């Protein structure tokens, strides 16, 4: 798989977006407590990157992370826009 750039910004300095593929997203349901949050986020980020790669994208921009704020976590949602550079 080609390395996909993942960013919360809407653009990447020095890169010009040529094509927008649309929203790619993933979620992690295995996050059970605070000690496993990073593991869940990492898995969801990998899934977003894989989905973008399948579309032929170079990056995912404007990424958002949505998760519960309670003591015990159950789901983390990650989404952004898959794009291709010129």
C-alpha atoms as a PDB file:
ATOM      1  CA  UNK A   1       0.000   0.000   0.000  1.00  0.00           C
ATOM      2  CA  UNK A   2       1.196   3.508  -0.829  1.00  0.00           C
ATOM      3  CA  UNK A   3       1.707   5.730   2.204  1.00  0.00           C
ATOM      4  CA  UNK A   4      -1.381   7.883   2.708  1.00  0.00           C
ATOM      5  CA  UNK A   5      -1.037  11.283   4.353  1.00  0.00           C
ATOM      6  CA  UNK A   6      -3.576  11.718   7.161  1.00  0.00           C
ATOM      7  CA  UNK A   7      -4.238  15.237   8.447  1.00  0.00           C
ATOM      8  CA  UNK A   8      -6.829  17.279  10.284  1.00  0.00           C
ATOM      9  CA  UNK A   9      -6.014  20.295   8.091  1.00  0.00           C
ATOM     10  CA  UNK A  10      -7.949  21.060   4.899  1.00  0.00           C
ATOM     11  CA  UNK A  11      -4.809  21.311   2.762  1.00  0.00           C
ATOM     12  CA  UNK A  12      -1.151  20.313   2.742  1.00  0.00           C
ATOM     13  CA  UNK A  13       1.539  22.906   2.128  1.00  0.00           C
ATOM     14  CA  UNK A  14       3.200  22.436  -1.253  1.00  0.00           C
ATOM     15  CA  UNK A  15       0.464  20.094  -2.545  1.00  0.00           C
ATOM     16  CA  UNK A  16      -2.414  20.952  -4.868  1.00  0.00           C
ATOM     17  CA  UNK A  17      -5.554  18.842  -4.668  1.00  0.00           C
ATOM     18  CA  UNK A  18      -6.589  17.595  -8.102  1.00  0.00           C
ATOM     19  CA  UNK A  19      -9.499  15.319  -7.223  1.00  0.00           C
ATOM     20  CA  UNK A  20     -11.852  14.702  -4.310  1.00  0.00           C
ATOM     21  CA  UNK A  21     -13.021  11.118  -3.824  1.00  0.00           C
ATOM     22  CA  UNK A  22     -15.393  11.813  -0.954  1.00  0.00           C
ATOM     23  CA  UNK A  23     -15.612  10.843   2.671  1.00  0.00           C
ATOM     24  CA  UNK A  24     -13.810   7.813   4.053  1.00  0.00           C
ATOM     25  CA  UNK A  25     -14.495   6.653   7.589  1.00  0.00           C
ATOM     26  CA  UNK A  26     -13.840   3.941  10.107  1.00  0.00           C
ATOM     27  CA  UNK A  27     -14.695   3.147  13.670  1.00  0.00           C
ATOM     28  CA  UNK A  28     -13.224   1.124  16.466  1.00  0.00           C
ATOM     29  CA  UNK A  29     -15.554  -0.799  18.735  1.00  0.00           C
ATOM     30  CA  UNK A  30     -12.927  -2.674  20.734  1.00  0.00           C
ATOM     31  CA  UNK A  31     -11.906   0.239  22.934  1.00  0.00           C
ATOM     32  CA  UNK A  32     -12.917  -0.847  26.421  1.00  0.00           C
ATOM     33  CA  UNK A  33     -10.996   1.431  28.746  1.00  0.00           C
ATOM     34  CA  UNK A  34      -8.480   4.242  28.751  1.00  0.00           C
ATOM     35  CA  UNK A  35      -5.514   1.895  28.399  1.00  0.00           C
ATOM     36  CA  UNK A  36      -6.777   0.685  25.008  1.00  0.00           C
ATOM     37  CA  UNK A  37      -7.757   4.032  23.457  1.00  0.00           C
ATOM     38  CA  UNK A  38      -4.517   4.449  21.456  1.00  0.00           C
ATOM     39  CA  UNK A  39      -4.852   0.915  20.122  1.00  0.00           C
ATOM     40  CA  UNK A  40      -8.401   1.618  18.940  1.00  0.00           C
ATOM     41  CA  UNK A  41      -7.460   4.930  17.332  1.00  0.00           C
ATOM     42  CA  UNK A  42      -4.492   3.339  15.560  1.00  0.00           C
ATOM     43  CA  UNK A  43      -6.682   0.583  14.114  1.00  0.00           C
ATOM     44  CA  UNK A  44      -9.284   3.068  12.882  1.00  0.00           C
ATOM     45  CA  UNK A  45      -6.575   5.278  11.315  1.00  0.00           C
ATOM     46  CA  UNK A  46      -5.187   2.253   9.468  1.00  0.00           C
ATOM     47  CA  UNK A  47      -8.673   1.465   8.170  1.00  0.00           C
ATOM     48  CA  UNK A  48      -9.212   5.045   6.934  1.00  0.00           C
ATOM     49  CA  UNK A  49      -5.831   4.926   5.151  1.00  0.00           C
ATOM     50  CA  UNK A  50      -6.681   1.554   3.564  1.00  0.00           C
ATOM     51  CA  UNK A  51     -10.039   2.815   2.294  1.00  0.00           C
ATOM     52  CA  UNK A  52      -8.420   5.939   0.834  1.00  0.00           C
ATOM     53  CA  UNK A  53      -5.713   3.835  -0.827  1.00  0.00           C
ATOM     54  CA  UNK A  54      -8.349   1.610  -2.436  1.00  0.00           C
ATOM     55  CA  UNK A  55      -9.844   4.740  -4.037  1.00  0.00           C
ATOM     56  CA  UNK A  56      -6.441   5.810  -5.404  1.00  0.00           C
ATOM     57  CA  UNK A  57      -6.095   8.738  -3.001  1.00  0.00           C
ATOM     58  CA  UNK A  58      -2.838  10.297  -1.847  1.00  0.00           C
ATOM     59  CA  UNK A  59      -4.203  11.741   1.393  1.00  0.00           C
ATOM     60  CA  UNK A  60      -7.144  12.129   3.733  1.00  0.00           C
ATOM     61  CA  UNK A  61      -7.705  15.771   4.706  1.00  0.00           C
ATOM     62  CA  UNK A  62     -10.018  17.434   7.211  1.00  0.00           C
ATOM     63  CA  UNK A  63      -9.985  14.410   9.499  1.00  0.00           C
ATOM     64  CA  UNK A  64     -12.268  14.432  12.525  1.00  0.00           C
ATOM     65  CA  UNK A  65     -12.218  12.188  15.581  1.00  0.00           C
ATOM     66  CA  UNK A  66     -15.474  11.554  17.422  1.00  0.00           C
ATOM     67  CA  UNK A  67     -15.651   9.493  20.582  1.00  0.00           C
ATOM     68  CA  UNK A  68     -17.443   9.230  23.884  1.00  0.00           C
ATOM     69  CA  UNK A  69     -16.314  11.320  26.812  1.00  0.00           C
ATOM     70  CA  UNK A  70     -17.355   8.921  29.561  1.00  0.00           C
ATOM     71  CA  UNK A  71     -14.876   7.026  31.721  1.00  0.00           C
ATOM     72  CA  UNK A  72     -15.359   3.848  29.665  1.00  0.00           C
ATOM     73  CA  UNK A  73     -14.992   4.200  25.913  1.00  0.00           C
ATOM     74  CA  UNK A  74     -16.896   2.032  23.493  1.00  0.00           C
ATOM     75  CA  UNK A  75     -16.594   3.501  19.981  1.00  0.00           C
ATOM     76  CA  UNK A  76     -14.311   5.959  18.220  1.00  0.00           C
ATOM     77  CA  UNK A  77     -15.316   7.282  14.781  1.00  0.00           C
ATOM     78  CA  UNK A  78     -12.748   8.784  12.411  1.00  0.00           C
ATOM     79  CA  UNK A  79     -13.589  10.366   9.068  1.00  0.00           C
ATOM     80  CA  UNK A  80     -12.140  12.712   6.463  1.00  0.00           C
ATOM     81  CA  UNK A  81     -12.038  13.451   2.733  1.00  0.00           C
ATOM     82  CA  UNK A  82      -9.911  11.286   0.435  1.00  0.00           C
ATOM     83  CA  UNK A  83      -8.041  13.373  -2.149  1.00  0.00           C
ATOM     84  CA  UNK A  84      -5.561  13.002  -5.034  1.00  0.00           C
ATOM     85  CA  UNK A  85      -2.777  15.521  -5.644  1.00  0.00           C
ATOM     86  CA  UNK A  86      -1.697  16.992  -9.009  1.00  0.00           C
END
